[in-house]
Amino acid sequence: MTTQGRQFGRFAWVIRMSPFVVAIILATLWMAGAPSMVPDLRLSAPMVARPGTTIGLRAWQVDQDDEGYTVIAAPAVAVELRNAAGMVLAKTELRQSLVQGMEGHLRVPDRLDEVVSLVALAEIDGRSVSVERALYVRESIDSRLPKGRAVNAFQVYELGPIRAADSRRAARALDPRVEEGACVPDLRCWLSVWVGDGAAAVRVRPITGVRVEPRAVRPSNGFARVPLVVAGSEGRVEVEALGEDGDIVAAREVRLPVVPGGVVARASAADGRIEVEWEQLGGRDPVLIDVFQEHRWMRALSLSADDPHLPALGPGVWRVQVRADLFSDNTAGVSYVVLADPKGPGRAREAADAVLADADREGLDPLAVAIIDGDFPEAGVEDLVRALFAVPSFDVVAIGPGTSARIGVDETLEREQELRRWQAAAAILLIGLMVSVVLLRVELVAQARARQLLGDLGDEASPPARGASSGRGLWAFVLLVFVLMAVLALSKRWF
């Protein structure tokens, strides 16, 4: 055997082992890209806050049971407020919710004016897990939590034009509002109709998908309250203002706001305590309560039917959202409650001011304007508060799915896996080049030997035509295979 032949023989094992080496590289790359085993701890909290106030907090763990179904766990969670240097400014221990996860609130220190961090800490299966998110603390900062519900055009509140039967006897106002903000199919809701002193009675006639007793209701303090039940996914009624003789003075059509599968909620204040009433299909199970003030999430708690009272919140206008679980923002029930400030102008005026504060987004409310002008007595404050917040409460404030502890871990893993993909592709391509060079060299040497042998034998015949050798071009095919393997290693779908 010549020296060159022995050299090619030494490379033969490289060619034979190269497929196994590539397989080992791809298998290692696939195993390295397996999902991390970090527990999925989630934290839901506001993005902004004002110093000296509280913020609502919820935390939970997304896990799987033995059969592979997703379950919500409630590990013990502590939440810390840290500054940029990592110093702990405030801390709270969340308590277990009556529904899902952990809940509570954290007080933001006074005179704080900076971007801080909220860090939720938990011990899960003997492993320390944390999730962090930013909190912007400013004295004049406003919340920008999204508002609105995902409903179709036939489930949105809409008022038709007032049709007066006699212009000389036309009602000054005929303004129907759903007190709960929205109706839920098969649950009772109340239609509050503001008529002022322009009608002796109010009658509601069903048009589509509504069950209501068609009897006249006499107004009290300028309002007539009529109970009704939406029987389908859409509800329309005709509201009629009647005179003393029972004739129709004015009428208008109303498309009722409808939230399928939602919760109907009502909140009322007495002796400084807030009582929450709710209805849901299947009974009154415990519910999650989120308390807002000026669109800022202040408290997170849960209530049961045995004790439906909220803790003392202090004077102000409070928005109470009631939902069945952590992931049902869109079907939450919404109610407002006003706790009077001893130094303030009164509950009705505070409610009217709060409604007009959103006038740039939702338009002027004629009822709020009338209250500010002093056209309503204080005796009807409950009716006024219910009617003032009826329409705006259809817009639910969405809190969101929370920040996961796995976000940072998954991002780091993805960056590391991207580097590994390129390294694996480069290694496979290098192996392919080495094998292809050896095969090309073997082919060239074999052709040269064949020509030399023919010359030594004195064969005058013409040399074989190009392409006649069955092994010619094998190096190119092998290189193509290795290039395809390198491209496969770069695939994010498989690795």
Protein backbone atom coordinates (compact mmCIF):
# COMPACT_ATOMS: atom_id res chain seq x y z
CA MET A 1 0.00 0.00 0.00
CA THR A 2 1.40 3.39 -0.95
CA THR A 3 1.90 6.19 1.54
CA GLN A 4 -1.04 8.11 0.09
CA GLY A 5 -3.27 5.07 0.39
CA ARG A 6 -2.39 4.67 4.02
CA GLN A 7 -3.28 8.34 4.59
CA PHE A 8 -6.70 7.84 3.00
CA GLY A 9 -7.20 4.73 5.12
CA ARG A 10 -6.68 6.74 8.26
CA PHE A 11 -9.47 9.11 7.17
CA ALA A 12 -11.87 6.26 6.46
CA TRP A 13 -12.96 6.03 10.10
CA VAL A 14 -13.78 9.75 10.05
CA ILE A 15 -16.11 9.23 7.11
CA ARG A 16 -17.77 6.22 8.72
CA MET A 17 -18.22 7.97 12.10
CA SER A 18 -19.38 11.34 10.75
CA PRO A 19 -23.13 10.41 10.61
CA PHE A 20 -23.00 9.25 14.24
CA VAL A 21 -21.24 12.48 15.30
CA VAL A 22 -23.90 14.58 13.54
CA ALA A 23 -26.67 12.54 15.19
CA ILE A 24 -25.07 13.10 18.62
CA ILE A 25 -24.85 16.87 17.96
CA LEU A 26 -28.52 17.08 16.95
CA ALA A 27 -29.66 14.96 19.91
CA THR A 28 -27.66 17.12 22.34
CA LEU A 29 -29.12 20.28 20.78
CA TRP A 30 -32.67 18.90 21.07
CA MET A 31 -32.25 17.97 24.73
CA ALA A 32 -30.69 21.34 25.55
CA GLY A 33 -33.77 23.10 24.17
CA ALA A 34 -36.23 21.26 26.43
CA PRO A 35 -38.56 23.59 28.39
CA SER A 36 -37.25 24.76 31.75
CA MET A 37 -38.63 23.23 34.91
CA VAL A 38 -39.03 26.60 36.68
CA PRO A 39 -42.47 26.78 38.37
CA ASP A 40 -44.85 29.17 36.63
CA LEU A 41 -45.46 31.68 39.44
CA ARG A 42 -47.50 34.69 38.29
CA LEU A 43 -47.97 38.16 39.75
CA SER A 44 -50.75 40.55 38.83
CA ALA A 45 -50.29 44.15 40.01
CA PRO A 46 -50.79 47.73 38.75
CA MET A 47 -48.23 49.47 36.60
CA VAL A 48 -48.62 52.86 38.30
CA ALA A 49 -49.34 54.11 41.81
CA ARG A 50 -49.34 57.26 43.88
CA PRO A 51 -47.30 57.62 47.08
CA GLY A 52 -49.20 56.99 50.30
CA THR A 53 -51.83 54.76 48.64
CA THR A 54 -52.32 51.01 48.36
CA ILE A 55 -52.08 48.73 45.33
CA GLY A 56 -53.92 45.47 44.73
CA LEU A 57 -51.91 42.27 44.36
CA ARG A 58 -52.72 38.75 43.17
CA ALA A 59 -50.35 35.81 42.78
CA TRP A 60 -50.84 32.21 41.72
CA GLN A 61 -49.03 29.23 40.24
CA VAL A 62 -50.02 27.59 36.96
CA ASP A 63 -49.33 23.87 37.32
CA GLN A 64 -50.45 20.51 35.94
CA ASP A 65 -52.01 17.60 37.78
CA ASP A 66 -51.13 13.93 37.35
CA GLU A 67 -53.40 13.66 34.31
CA GLY A 68 -51.86 16.65 32.55
CA TYR A 69 -54.69 19.12 33.16
CA THR A 70 -53.89 22.74 34.06
CA VAL A 71 -54.58 23.64 37.68
CA ILE A 72 -54.13 26.81 39.73
CA ALA A 73 -52.10 26.42 42.93
CA ALA A 74 -51.74 28.87 45.81
CA PRO A 75 -48.23 28.75 47.30
CA ALA A 76 -47.29 31.12 50.12
CA VAL A 77 -46.18 34.40 48.51
CA ALA A 78 -44.49 37.49 49.92
CA VAL A 79 -44.31 40.70 47.85
CA GLU A 80 -41.55 43.25 48.33
CA LEU A 81 -41.25 46.81 47.04
CA ARG A 82 -37.62 47.54 46.14
CA ASN A 83 -35.83 50.61 44.84
CA ALA A 84 -33.18 50.66 42.12
CA ALA A 85 -30.48 49.74 44.67
CA GLY A 86 -32.40 46.64 45.78
CA MET A 87 -33.40 48.07 49.17
CA VAL A 88 -36.74 46.80 50.49
CA LEU A 89 -39.10 49.76 50.98
CA ALA A 90 -42.25 47.82 51.90
CA LYS A 91 -43.32 44.19 52.24
CA THR A 92 -46.54 42.22 52.63
CA GLU A 93 -47.58 38.60 52.96
CA LEU A 94 -50.46 37.62 50.67
CA ARG A 95 -53.30 35.55 52.07
CA GLN A 96 -55.05 32.66 50.35
CA SER A 97 -58.08 33.58 48.30
CA LEU A 98 -61.48 31.99 48.72
CA VAL A 99 -61.48 31.34 44.97
CA GLN A 100 -58.00 31.00 43.42
CA GLY A 101 -54.43 31.95 44.24
CA MET A 102 -53.22 34.47 46.80
CA GLU A 103 -54.40 38.05 47.26
CA GLY A 104 -53.78 41.22 49.24
CA HIS A 105 -52.56 44.78 48.98
CA LEU A 106 -49.37 46.74 49.64
CA ARG A 107 -49.05 50.29 50.88
CA VAL A 108 -46.70 52.53 48.90
CA PRO A 109 -44.53 54.68 51.18
CA ASP A 110 -45.18 58.42 51.39
CA ARG A 111 -43.04 60.89 49.43
CA LEU A 112 -41.87 58.18 47.03
CA ASP A 113 -41.25 59.47 43.50
CA GLU A 114 -39.35 56.98 41.36
CA VAL A 115 -39.53 53.76 39.37
CA VAL A 116 -39.42 50.84 41.79
CA SER A 117 -39.77 47.07 41.49
CA LEU A 118 -42.39 44.68 42.80
CA VAL A 119 -40.90 41.27 43.58
CA ALA A 120 -43.05 38.26 44.46
CA LEU A 121 -41.16 35.54 46.34
CA ALA A 122 -42.30 31.95 46.91
CA GLU A 123 -40.90 28.56 47.91
CA ILE A 124 -42.25 25.89 45.54
CA ASP A 125 -41.15 22.24 45.77
CA GLY A 126 -38.06 23.25 47.73
CA ARG A 127 -37.03 25.81 45.11
CA SER A 128 -36.98 29.60 45.53
CA VAL A 129 -39.02 31.27 42.77
CA SER A 130 -39.43 34.97 42.13
CA VAL A 131 -41.18 37.20 39.61
CA GLU A 132 -40.40 40.89 39.19
CA ARG A 133 -42.10 43.80 37.47
CA ALA A 134 -41.77 47.59 37.44
CA LEU A 135 -44.02 50.02 39.32
CA TYR A 136 -44.08 53.72 38.38
CA VAL A 137 -44.76 55.87 41.46
CA ARG A 138 -45.67 59.52 40.84
CA GLU A 139 -47.92 61.95 42.67
CA SER A 140 -49.85 63.00 39.57
CA ILE A 141 -49.69 59.75 37.58
CA ASP A 142 -52.89 58.33 36.07
CA SER A 143 -53.70 54.72 35.41
CA ARG A 144 -54.00 53.56 31.80
CA LEU A 145 -55.55 50.16 32.44
CA PRO A 146 -57.61 49.14 29.39
CA LYS A 147 -61.37 49.40 29.61
CA GLY A 148 -64.11 47.72 27.64
CA ARG A 149 -65.76 44.36 27.03
CA ALA A 150 -65.63 41.96 24.12
CA VAL A 151 -69.29 41.93 23.06
CA ASN A 152 -70.96 42.06 19.67
CA ALA A 153 -72.91 44.99 18.23
CA PHE A 154 -76.26 43.57 19.38
CA GLN A 155 -75.14 43.45 23.03
CA VAL A 156 -74.04 47.08 23.39
CA TYR A 157 -76.14 49.68 25.22
CA GLU A 158 -77.95 51.90 22.73
CA LEU A 159 -80.69 54.49 23.12
CA GLY A 160 -83.14 55.28 20.35
CA PRO A 161 -84.54 58.79 19.80
CA ILE A 162 -87.35 60.07 22.03
CA ARG A 163 -90.70 59.99 20.23
CA ALA A 164 -93.11 62.53 21.73
CA ALA A 165 -96.82 61.82 21.32
CA ASP A 166 -97.74 65.44 21.96
CA SER A 167 -95.20 68.25 21.84
CA ARG A 168 -97.17 70.19 24.45
CA ARG A 169 -96.98 67.31 26.93
CA ALA A 170 -93.54 65.96 26.04
CA ALA A 171 -91.49 64.59 28.93
CA ARG A 172 -88.46 66.68 29.79
CA ALA A 173 -86.31 63.57 30.29
CA LEU A 174 -86.65 59.91 29.44
CA ASP A 175 -83.29 58.35 30.25
CA PRO A 176 -83.29 54.54 30.93
CA ARG A 177 -80.14 53.02 32.44
CA VAL A 178 -79.22 49.50 33.59
CA GLU A 179 -78.17 49.86 37.22
CA GLU A 180 -75.77 46.91 37.13
CA GLY A 181 -74.14 48.35 34.02
CA ALA A 182 -75.06 45.26 32.00
CA CYS A 183 -77.60 42.46 32.05
CA VAL A 184 -76.68 38.79 32.19
CA PRO A 185 -79.00 36.27 30.48
CA ASP A 186 -81.38 34.54 32.94
CA LEU A 187 -80.40 36.84 35.83
CA ARG A 188 -82.44 39.77 37.06
CA CYS A 189 -81.24 43.31 36.38
CA TRP A 190 -82.86 46.66 37.13
CA LEU A 191 -83.73 49.34 34.60
CA SER A 192 -83.68 52.77 36.23
CA VAL A 193 -85.57 55.38 34.17
CA TRP A 194 -84.97 59.06 34.89
CA VAL A 195 -88.09 61.01 34.01
CA GLY A 196 -87.89 63.93 36.45
CA ASP A 197 -91.36 65.42 36.91
CA GLY A 198 -92.42 64.99 33.31
CA ALA A 199 -94.35 61.71 33.69
CA ALA A 200 -96.84 60.18 36.12
CA ALA A 201 -95.78 56.58 35.40
CA VAL A 202 -93.34 54.53 33.34
CA ARG A 203 -94.06 51.33 31.45
CA VAL A 204 -91.55 48.97 29.84
CA ARG A 205 -92.64 46.71 26.99
CA PRO A 206 -90.43 43.85 25.73
CA ILE A 207 -89.47 43.82 22.05
CA THR A 208 -86.84 41.08 21.76
CA GLY A 209 -85.39 38.61 24.24
CA VAL A 210 -86.63 40.22 27.49
CA ARG A 211 -89.05 39.09 30.18
CA VAL A 212 -90.65 42.00 32.00
CA GLU A 213 -93.97 42.57 33.71
CA PRO A 214 -95.79 45.11 31.50
CA ARG A 215 -97.24 47.26 34.25
CA ALA A 216 -96.89 50.94 34.96
CA VAL A 217 -94.46 52.01 37.72
CA ARG A 218 -94.83 55.37 39.43
CA PRO A 219 -91.58 57.36 39.74
CA SER A 220 -89.99 58.13 43.09
CA ASN A 221 -87.58 61.08 43.36
CA GLY A 222 -87.74 61.38 39.57
CA PHE A 223 -86.82 57.72 38.91
CA ALA A 224 -88.82 54.62 38.03
CA ARG A 225 -87.16 51.25 38.68
CA VAL A 226 -88.29 48.21 36.69
CA PRO A 227 -86.89 44.65 37.11
CA LEU A 228 -86.34 42.62 33.95
CA VAL A 229 -84.63 39.44 32.76
CA VAL A 230 -82.86 39.00 29.42
CA ALA A 231 -83.82 35.62 27.98
CA GLY A 232 -81.27 35.40 25.16
CA SER A 233 -78.06 36.93 23.87
CA GLU A 234 -79.82 40.17 22.85
CA GLY A 235 -82.45 42.28 24.56
CA ARG A 236 -84.53 45.25 23.38
CA VAL A 237 -87.35 47.04 25.15
CA GLU A 238 -89.63 50.01 24.60
CA VAL A 239 -89.74 52.52 27.46
CA GLU A 240 -92.90 54.62 27.67
CA ALA A 241 -93.61 57.69 29.80
CA LEU A 242 -97.30 57.89 30.73
CA GLY A 243 -99.37 60.90 31.73
CA GLU A 244 -101.95 61.14 34.52
CA ASP A 245 -104.63 59.87 32.15
CA GLY A 246 -102.53 56.82 31.23
CA ASP A 247 -101.78 58.01 27.71
CA ILE A 248 -98.27 57.73 26.29
CA VAL A 249 -96.46 61.05 26.57
CA ALA A 250 -93.11 59.91 25.13
CA ALA A 251 -91.35 56.68 24.24
CA ARG A 252 -87.96 55.43 23.14
CA GLU A 253 -86.39 52.10 22.25
CA VAL A 254 -83.47 50.73 24.27
CA ARG A 255 -80.98 48.04 23.36
CA LEU A 256 -79.87 46.60 26.67
CA PRO A 257 -76.17 45.93 27.37
CA VAL A 258 -75.74 42.15 27.67
CA VAL A 259 -72.76 40.16 28.97
CA PRO A 260 -73.25 36.41 28.40
CA GLY A 261 -72.16 34.22 31.29
CA GLY A 262 -71.28 37.16 33.51
CA VAL A 263 -71.89 38.19 37.10
CA VAL A 264 -74.49 40.72 38.22
CA ALA A 265 -73.16 42.81 41.12
CA ARG A 266 -74.55 45.53 43.36
CA ALA A 267 -72.73 47.40 46.14
CA SER A 268 -74.26 49.58 48.84
CA ALA A 269 -72.84 51.54 51.78
CA ALA A 270 -74.29 51.74 55.29
CA ASP A 271 -72.58 53.02 58.44
CA GLY A 272 -69.24 53.17 56.63
CA ARG A 273 -69.39 49.50 55.56
CA ILE A 274 -69.78 48.30 52.01
CA GLU A 275 -72.00 45.31 51.31
CA VAL A 276 -71.68 43.52 47.99
CA GLU A 277 -74.48 41.49 46.46
CA TRP A 278 -73.96 39.32 43.44
CA GLU A 279 -75.82 36.81 41.33
CA GLN A 280 -74.39 34.18 39.04
CA LEU A 281 -75.69 31.13 37.28
CA GLY A 282 -75.47 28.07 39.51
CA GLY A 283 -75.65 29.87 42.85
CA ARG A 284 -73.67 32.36 44.88
CA ASP A 285 -70.19 30.87 45.00
CA PRO A 286 -67.27 32.86 46.45
CA VAL A 287 -66.03 35.56 44.11
CA LEU A 288 -62.94 37.70 43.58
CA ILE A 289 -63.27 41.41 44.39
CA ASP A 290 -61.09 44.12 42.88
CA VAL A 291 -61.49 47.65 44.25
CA PHE A 292 -60.55 50.68 42.15
CA GLN A 293 -60.41 54.42 42.74
CA GLU A 294 -59.97 56.74 39.76
CA HIS A 295 -59.13 53.67 37.60
CA ARG A 296 -56.30 52.73 39.99
CA TRP A 297 -56.34 49.20 41.40
CA MET A 298 -56.28 49.63 45.19
CA ARG A 299 -57.36 46.34 46.81
CA ALA A 300 -57.64 42.64 45.94
CA LEU A 301 -59.75 40.31 48.07
CA SER A 302 -62.46 37.66 47.90
CA LEU A 303 -65.89 37.35 49.49
CA SER A 304 -68.34 34.58 50.28
CA ALA A 305 -72.11 34.77 50.63
CA ASP A 306 -71.73 34.26 54.40
CA ASP A 307 -69.79 37.50 54.84
CA PRO A 308 -70.31 39.84 51.84
CA HIS A 309 -68.82 42.96 53.47
CA LEU A 310 -65.71 44.85 52.39
CA PRO A 311 -63.28 46.33 54.92
CA ALA A 312 -63.35 50.08 55.55
CA LEU A 313 -62.12 51.96 52.49
CA GLY A 314 -62.47 55.57 53.55
CA PRO A 315 -64.29 58.49 51.87
CA GLY A 316 -64.42 58.60 48.09
CA VAL A 317 -65.92 57.03 44.99
CA TRP A 318 -65.04 53.34 44.78
CA ARG A 319 -65.44 51.02 41.83
CA VAL A 320 -66.06 47.37 42.78
CA GLN A 321 -65.52 44.64 40.20
CA VAL A 322 -66.74 41.11 40.91
CA ARG A 323 -65.52 38.11 38.91
CA ALA A 324 -65.81 34.37 39.22
CA ASP A 325 -62.12 33.49 38.69
CA LEU A 326 -58.73 34.91 37.79
CA PHE A 327 -59.32 34.80 34.04
CA SER A 328 -62.82 36.27 33.66
CA ASP A 329 -62.20 40.02 33.42
CA ASN A 330 -64.57 40.32 30.48
CA THR A 331 -67.57 38.91 32.40
CA ALA A 332 -66.97 40.77 35.66
CA GLY A 333 -69.85 42.50 37.39
CA VAL A 334 -69.28 46.19 38.12
CA SER A 335 -70.79 48.43 40.77
CA TYR A 336 -69.97 51.78 42.34
CA VAL A 337 -70.27 52.94 45.92
CA VAL A 338 -69.82 56.43 47.32
CA LEU A 339 -68.63 56.98 50.88
CA ALA A 340 -69.30 60.55 51.95
CA ASP A 341 -66.49 62.87 52.99
CA PRO A 342 -67.56 64.83 56.11
CA LYS A 343 -65.93 67.91 54.59
CA GLY A 344 -67.20 67.24 51.09
CA PRO A 345 -70.23 68.50 49.16
CA GLY A 346 -72.27 65.31 49.64
CA ARG A 347 -72.50 61.88 48.04
CA ALA A 348 -74.56 62.94 45.03
CA ARG A 349 -72.24 65.81 44.13
CA GLU A 350 -69.12 63.64 44.62
CA ALA A 351 -70.63 61.03 42.32
CA ALA A 352 -71.51 63.65 39.71
CA ASP A 353 -68.01 65.13 39.81
CA ALA A 354 -66.49 61.66 39.36
CA VAL A 355 -68.68 61.00 36.31
CA LEU A 356 -67.89 64.35 34.70
CA ALA A 357 -64.16 63.75 35.28
CA ASP A 358 -64.39 61.27 32.39
CA ALA A 359 -66.36 63.66 30.19
CA ASP A 360 -63.50 64.03 27.72
CA ARG A 361 -63.72 60.30 26.96
CA GLU A 362 -67.37 59.42 27.51
CA GLY A 363 -69.30 62.66 26.96
CA LEU A 364 -71.26 64.84 29.34
CA ASP A 365 -73.88 63.08 31.43
CA PRO A 366 -77.06 65.18 31.58
CA LEU A 367 -77.94 63.68 34.95
CA ALA A 368 -74.56 64.67 36.40
CA VAL A 369 -74.96 68.18 35.01
CA ALA A 370 -78.42 68.44 36.57
CA ILE A 371 -77.03 67.40 39.96
CA ILE A 372 -74.29 70.01 39.80
CA ASP A 373 -76.90 72.62 38.88
CA GLY A 374 -78.81 71.66 42.04
CA ASP A 375 -81.96 70.27 40.41
CA PHE A 376 -82.16 67.17 42.66
CA PRO A 377 -82.86 66.90 46.38
CA GLU A 378 -80.48 64.99 48.68
CA ALA A 379 -83.33 62.66 49.62
CA GLY A 380 -82.93 60.74 46.35
CA VAL A 381 -79.18 60.19 46.66
CA GLU A 382 -79.34 56.38 46.36
CA ASP A 383 -81.35 56.59 43.16
CA LEU A 384 -78.96 59.22 41.83
CA VAL A 385 -75.84 57.19 42.57
CA ARG A 386 -77.30 54.05 40.99
CA ALA A 387 -78.28 55.93 37.85
CA LEU A 388 -75.09 57.96 37.55
CA PHE A 389 -72.83 54.92 37.43
CA ALA A 390 -75.14 52.65 35.44
CA VAL A 391 -73.82 53.38 31.96
CA PRO A 392 -70.08 53.85 32.70
CA SER A 393 -69.92 50.60 34.67
CA PHE A 394 -70.47 48.65 31.45
CA ASP A 395 -66.77 49.29 30.78
CA VAL A 396 -64.83 46.78 32.86
CA VAL A 397 -61.23 47.52 33.83
CA ALA A 398 -59.07 44.64 32.62
CA ILE A 399 -56.29 43.55 34.98
CA GLY A 400 -54.62 41.02 32.69
CA PRO A 401 -53.11 37.54 33.03
CA GLY A 402 -50.16 38.56 35.24
CA THR A 403 -46.39 38.44 34.83
CA SER A 404 -44.82 34.98 34.86
CA ALA A 405 -41.61 33.97 36.63
CA ARG A 406 -40.73 31.96 33.55
CA ILE A 407 -40.49 34.98 31.24
CA GLY A 408 -36.93 35.88 32.19
CA VAL A 409 -35.88 32.23 32.37
CA ASP A 410 -37.40 31.43 28.97
CA GLU A 411 -35.77 34.51 27.40
CA THR A 412 -32.35 33.48 28.75
CA LEU A 413 -32.88 29.90 27.59
CA GLU A 414 -33.86 31.11 24.12
CA ARG A 415 -30.71 33.26 23.82
CA GLU A 416 -28.52 30.36 24.94
CA GLN A 417 -30.32 27.94 22.61
CA GLU A 418 -29.87 30.33 19.68
CA LEU A 419 -26.12 30.34 20.30
CA ARG A 420 -26.11 26.55 20.57
CA ARG A 421 -28.00 26.26 17.25
CA TRP A 422 -25.37 28.29 15.42
CA GLN A 423 -22.53 26.36 17.08
CA ALA A 424 -24.12 23.05 16.14
CA ALA A 425 -24.70 24.18 12.54
CA ALA A 426 -21.08 25.35 12.26
CA ALA A 427 -19.78 22.04 13.66
CA ILE A 428 -21.95 19.99 11.26
CA LEU A 429 -20.87 22.11 8.32
CA LEU A 430 -17.21 21.76 9.29
CA ILE A 431 -17.55 17.96 9.49
CA GLY A 432 -19.27 17.97 6.11
CA LEU A 433 -16.45 20.00 4.55
CA MET A 434 -13.82 17.65 5.95
CA VAL A 435 -15.60 14.53 4.66
CA SER A 436 -16.27 16.12 1.27
CA VAL A 437 -12.63 17.17 0.88
CA VAL A 438 -11.47 13.63 1.64
CA LEU A 439 -13.95 12.13 -0.84
CA LEU A 440 -12.96 14.66 -3.48
CA ARG A 441 -9.30 13.89 -2.94
CA VAL A 442 -9.96 10.14 -3.14
CA GLU A 443 -11.86 10.62 -6.40
CA LEU A 444 -9.11 12.72 -7.98
CA VAL A 445 -6.39 10.26 -6.91
CA ALA A 446 -8.42 7.31 -8.26
CA GLN A 447 -8.83 9.02 -11.64
CA ALA A 448 -5.13 9.81 -11.80
CA ARG A 449 -4.24 6.18 -10.98
CA ALA A 450 -6.58 4.93 -13.70
CA ARG A 451 -4.97 7.15 -16.29
CA GLN A 452 -1.51 6.10 -15.14
CA LEU A 453 -2.42 2.40 -15.30
CA LEU A 454 -3.78 2.76 -18.83
CA GLY A 455 -0.62 4.55 -19.85
CA ASP A 456 1.63 1.85 -18.36
CA LEU A 457 -0.28 -0.86 -20.23
CA GLY A 458 0.19 1.03 -23.48
CA ASP A 459 -3.52 1.23 -24.11
CA GLU A 460 -3.97 3.63 -26.95
CA ALA A 461 -7.71 3.75 -26.54
CA SER A 462 -9.30 7.03 -25.67
CA PRO A 463 -9.61 7.84 -21.95
CA PRO A 464 -13.01 7.29 -20.42
CA ALA A 465 -15.45 10.12 -20.85
CA ARG A 466 -16.19 12.45 -17.94
CA GLY A 467 -18.97 11.16 -15.79
CA ALA A 468 -18.38 7.58 -16.66
CA SER A 469 -17.19 6.85 -13.10
CA SER A 470 -20.05 5.94 -10.75
CA GLY A 471 -18.26 7.67 -7.83
CA ARG A 472 -17.75 11.00 -9.55
CA GLY A 473 -19.55 13.84 -7.74
CA LEU A 474 -20.15 11.86 -4.55
CA TRP A 475 -18.35 14.55 -2.52
CA ALA A 476 -20.88 17.17 -3.70
CA PHE A 477 -23.85 15.02 -2.70
CA VAL A 478 -22.35 14.36 0.75
CA LEU A 479 -21.67 18.09 1.23
CA LEU A 480 -25.29 18.85 0.30
CA VAL A 481 -26.53 16.38 2.93
CA PHE A 482 -24.39 18.01 5.63
CA VAL A 483 -25.57 21.48 4.59
CA LEU A 484 -29.17 20.33 4.97
CA MET A 485 -28.34 18.95 8.44
CA ALA A 486 -26.80 22.31 9.37
CA VAL A 487 -29.93 24.11 8.21
CA LEU A 488 -32.03 21.67 10.25
CA ALA A 489 -29.98 22.51 13.34
CA LEU A 490 -30.94 26.19 12.90
CA SER A 491 -34.65 25.35 12.88
CA LYS A 492 -36.46 26.84 15.92
CA ARG A 493 -39.37 24.50 15.34
CA TRP A 494 -37.37 21.37 16.06
CA PHE A 495 -34.56 22.71 18.24
